[in-house]
Structure formats: C-alpha cells, structure tokens
Amino acid sequence: MILIASCIIGLVVTIAEPDVRVLAFQVDLVSGGEINRSMLILAVATGVGIAVSLAMLRIFPGINIAIVLPVGYIAVLILSFFVPPEFVPVAFDAGGVTSVL
C-alpha cells in the first residue's frame, strides 16, 4: 500500500510542478511539436513516481544509498547509448527539474 501511495504522490506532485511544464513547453517549441508536451510530462511524472516507490522500497530492508546511486548512474549511462542523441539532454534536464521536488 505504501509503494502504491508513494508512486501516486510522486506522479501527482510532478504533474503539478511548474518547472516540468516549462521544460515541456521549451522542448515542444524546440522540437517543432515532435515531442508532445503532455507525453513528456507524463513520462517524467511516471519516472518520478517509480523512483519514489523504489526509494521507499529501499528503506524497508535498509539498503544503503551508497549502493543504489552507483547502480542507478551506471544504468543511466548504459541507457544513454541506446536512445537517439536528441533525447539524452532532455532526459538529464528532466532529472534536474524534478530534483527540486
């Protein structure tokens, strides 16, 4: 129940975040409408919701964050090689915008 609630809270808070909306507007403007604002906001919000749930899941067994962070950064680095180069800066900007939360 806690994992579902934390996912929903992360999702809703991110959707309501003005900085995410500004980022989505700018990406839509720069991409000429190829990257839809709503889809970008939903994708970022879903990612934050899942991340918040994983953070809660980490707390229960007491997994050290010093283990989780390098694994996450390595996963992001590996995934960045498999997406089009135009999306990598957008993904990192979205991560920076949501870290204010």
C-alpha atoms as a PDB file:
ATOM      1  CA  MET A   1       0.000   0.000   0.000  1.00  0.00           C
ATOM      2  CA  ILE A   2       2.864   2.369   0.851  1.00  0.00           C
ATOM      3  CA  LEU A   3       4.553   1.736  -2.500  1.00  0.00           C
ATOM      4  CA  ILE A   4       1.375   2.479  -4.442  1.00  0.00           C
ATOM      5  CA  ALA A   5       0.706   5.634  -2.412  1.00  0.00           C
ATOM      6  CA  SER A   6       4.281   6.869  -2.847  1.00  0.00           C
ATOM      7  CA  CYS A   7       4.090   6.262  -6.607  1.00  0.00           C
ATOM      8  CA  ILE A   8       0.831   8.204  -6.872  1.00  0.00           C
ATOM      9  CA  ILE A   9       2.183  11.071  -4.762  1.00  0.00           C
ATOM     10  CA  GLY A  10       5.358  11.295  -6.880  1.00  0.00           C
ATOM     11  CA  LEU A  11       3.291  11.239 -10.061  1.00  0.00           C
ATOM     12  CA  VAL A  12       0.808  13.916  -8.955  1.00  0.00           C
ATOM     13  CA  VAL A  13       3.411  16.245  -7.479  1.00  0.00           C
ATOM     14  CA  THR A  14       5.486  16.077 -10.661  1.00  0.00           C
ATOM     15  CA  ILE A  15       2.485  16.785 -12.882  1.00  0.00           C
ATOM     16  CA  ALA A  16       1.708  19.845 -10.746  1.00  0.00           C
ATOM     17  CA  GLU A  17       5.328  21.095 -10.788  1.00  0.00           C
ATOM     18  CA  PRO A  18       5.569  24.320 -12.870  1.00  0.00           C
ATOM     19  CA  ASP A  19       9.208  23.683 -13.797  1.00  0.00           C
ATOM     20  CA  VAL A  20       8.241  20.453 -15.548  1.00  0.00           C
ATOM     21  CA  ARG A  21       5.615  22.325 -17.533  1.00  0.00           C
ATOM     22  CA  VAL A  22       8.167  24.969 -18.549  1.00  0.00           C
ATOM     23  CA  LEU A  23      10.571  22.244 -19.659  1.00  0.00           C
ATOM     24  CA  ALA A  24       7.804  20.529 -21.655  1.00  0.00           C
ATOM     25  CA  PHE A  25       6.901  23.839 -23.326  1.00  0.00           C
ATOM     26  CA  GLN A  26      10.512  24.533 -24.269  1.00  0.00           C
ATOM     27  CA  VAL A  27      11.089  21.013 -25.586  1.00  0.00           C
ATOM     28  CA  ASP A  28       7.868  21.213 -27.603  1.00  0.00           C
ATOM     29  CA  LEU A  29       8.966  24.573 -29.005  1.00  0.00           C
ATOM     30  CA  VAL A  30      12.473  23.433 -29.906  1.00  0.00           C
ATOM     31  CA  SER A  31      11.334  20.099 -31.358  1.00  0.00           C
ATOM     32  CA  GLY A  32       8.714  21.767 -33.522  1.00  0.00           C
ATOM     33  CA  GLY A  33       5.933  19.762 -31.894  1.00  0.00           C
ATOM     34  CA  GLU A  34       7.584  16.378 -32.459  1.00  0.00           C
ATOM     35  CA  ILE A  35       7.815  15.782 -28.701  1.00  0.00           C
ATOM     36  CA  ASN A  36       4.347  16.260 -27.281  1.00  0.00           C
ATOM     37  CA  ARG A  37       4.126  18.306 -24.061  1.00  0.00           C
ATOM     38  CA  SER A  38       1.609  16.027 -22.394  1.00  0.00           C
ATOM     39  CA  MET A  39       3.576  12.882 -23.193  1.00  0.00           C
ATOM     40  CA  LEU A  40       6.779  14.424 -21.848  1.00  0.00           C
ATOM     41  CA  ILE A  41       5.093  15.493 -18.612  1.00  0.00           C
ATOM     42  CA  LEU A  42       3.505  12.064 -18.213  1.00  0.00           C
ATOM     43  CA  ALA A  43       6.796  10.281 -18.912  1.00  0.00           C
ATOM     44  CA  VAL A  44       8.695  12.415 -16.402  1.00  0.00           C
ATOM     45  CA  ALA A  45       5.933  12.041 -13.794  1.00  0.00           C
ATOM     46  CA  THR A  46       5.835   8.268 -14.262  1.00  0.00           C
ATOM     47  CA  GLY A  47       9.594   8.078 -13.830  1.00  0.00           C
ATOM     48  CA  VAL A  48       9.460  10.139 -10.641  1.00  0.00           C
ATOM     49  CA  GLY A  49       6.596   8.025  -9.292  1.00  0.00           C
ATOM     50  CA  ILE A  50       8.550   4.833  -9.893  1.00  0.00           C
ATOM     51  CA  ALA A  51      11.698   6.363  -8.395  1.00  0.00           C
ATOM     52  CA  VAL A  52       9.848   7.424  -5.249  1.00  0.00           C
ATOM     53  CA  SER A  53       8.423   3.912  -4.911  1.00  0.00           C
ATOM     54  CA  LEU A  54      11.886   2.405  -5.331  1.00  0.00           C
ATOM     55  CA  ALA A  55      13.212   4.806  -2.702  1.00  0.00           C
ATOM     56  CA  MET A  56      10.530   3.617  -0.301  1.00  0.00           C
ATOM     57  CA  LEU A  57      11.319   0.014  -1.187  1.00  0.00           C
ATOM     58  CA  ARG A  58      14.972   0.684  -0.388  1.00  0.00           C
ATOM     59  CA  ILE A  59      14.076   1.893   3.102  1.00  0.00           C
ATOM     60  CA  PHE A  60      12.276  -1.274   4.235  1.00  0.00           C
ATOM     61  CA  PRO A  61      15.214  -3.712   4.011  1.00  0.00           C
ATOM     62  CA  GLY A  62      17.713  -0.963   4.888  1.00  0.00           C
ATOM     63  CA  ILE A  63      19.712  -0.982   1.655  1.00  0.00           C
ATOM     64  CA  ASN A  64      22.477   1.625   1.778  1.00  0.00           C
ATOM     65  CA  ILE A  65      22.070   4.505  -0.668  1.00  0.00           C
ATOM     66  CA  ALA A  66      25.793   4.282  -1.461  1.00  0.00           C
ATOM     67  CA  ILE A  67      24.945   1.043  -3.272  1.00  0.00           C
ATOM     68  CA  VAL A  68      21.826   2.311  -5.040  1.00  0.00           C
ATOM     69  CA  LEU A  69      23.284   5.526  -6.506  1.00  0.00           C
ATOM     70  CA  PRO A  70      26.189   3.990  -8.471  1.00  0.00           C
ATOM     71  CA  VAL A  71      23.882   1.309  -9.858  1.00  0.00           C
ATOM     72  CA  GLY A  72      21.425   3.995 -10.981  1.00  0.00           C
ATOM     73  CA  TYR A  73      24.110   6.137 -12.588  1.00  0.00           C
ATOM     74  CA  ILE A  74      25.580   3.149 -14.416  1.00  0.00           C
ATOM     75  CA  ALA A  75      22.103   2.210 -15.689  1.00  0.00           C
ATOM     76  CA  VAL A  76      21.531   5.772 -16.939  1.00  0.00           C
ATOM     77  CA  LEU A  77      24.920   5.820 -18.648  1.00  0.00           C
ATOM     78  CA  ILE A  78      24.282   2.494 -20.390  1.00  0.00           C
ATOM     79  CA  LEU A  79      20.759   3.503 -21.460  1.00  0.00           C
ATOM     80  CA  SER A  80      22.069   6.772 -22.919  1.00  0.00           C
ATOM     81  CA  PHE A  81      23.881   4.769 -25.607  1.00  0.00           C
ATOM     82  CA  PHE A  82      20.643   3.146 -26.806  1.00  0.00           C
ATOM     83  CA  VAL A  83      18.455   6.230 -27.327  1.00  0.00           C
ATOM     84  CA  PRO A  84      18.645   8.889 -30.016  1.00  0.00           C
ATOM     85  CA  PRO A  85      21.188  11.578 -29.106  1.00  0.00           C
ATOM     86  CA  GLU A  86      18.484  14.276 -29.088  1.00  0.00           C
ATOM     87  CA  PHE A  87      16.754  12.682 -26.087  1.00  0.00           C
ATOM     88  CA  VAL A  88      19.741  12.441 -23.750  1.00  0.00           C
ATOM     89  CA  PRO A  89      19.910  16.167 -22.877  1.00  0.00           C
ATOM     90  CA  VAL A  90      16.132  16.272 -22.448  1.00  0.00           C
ATOM     91  CA  ALA A  91      16.314  13.341 -20.034  1.00  0.00           C
ATOM     92  CA  PHE A  92      19.073  14.950 -17.974  1.00  0.00           C
ATOM     93  CA  ASP A  93      17.212  18.284 -17.923  1.00  0.00           C
ATOM     94  CA  ALA A  94      14.058  16.498 -16.786  1.00  0.00           C
ATOM     95  CA  GLY A  95      16.043  14.881 -14.000  1.00  0.00           C
ATOM     96  CA  GLY A  96      17.372  18.279 -12.930  1.00  0.00           C
ATOM     97  CA  VAL A  97      13.928  19.841 -12.982  1.00  0.00           C
ATOM     98  CA  THR A  98      12.401  17.102 -10.843  1.00  0.00           C
ATOM     99  CA  SER A  99      15.232  17.066  -8.314  1.00  0.00           C
ATOM    100  CA  VAL A 100      13.893  20.313  -6.901  1.00  0.00           C
ATOM    101  CA  LEU A 101      10.984  18.309  -5.541  1.00  0.00           C
END
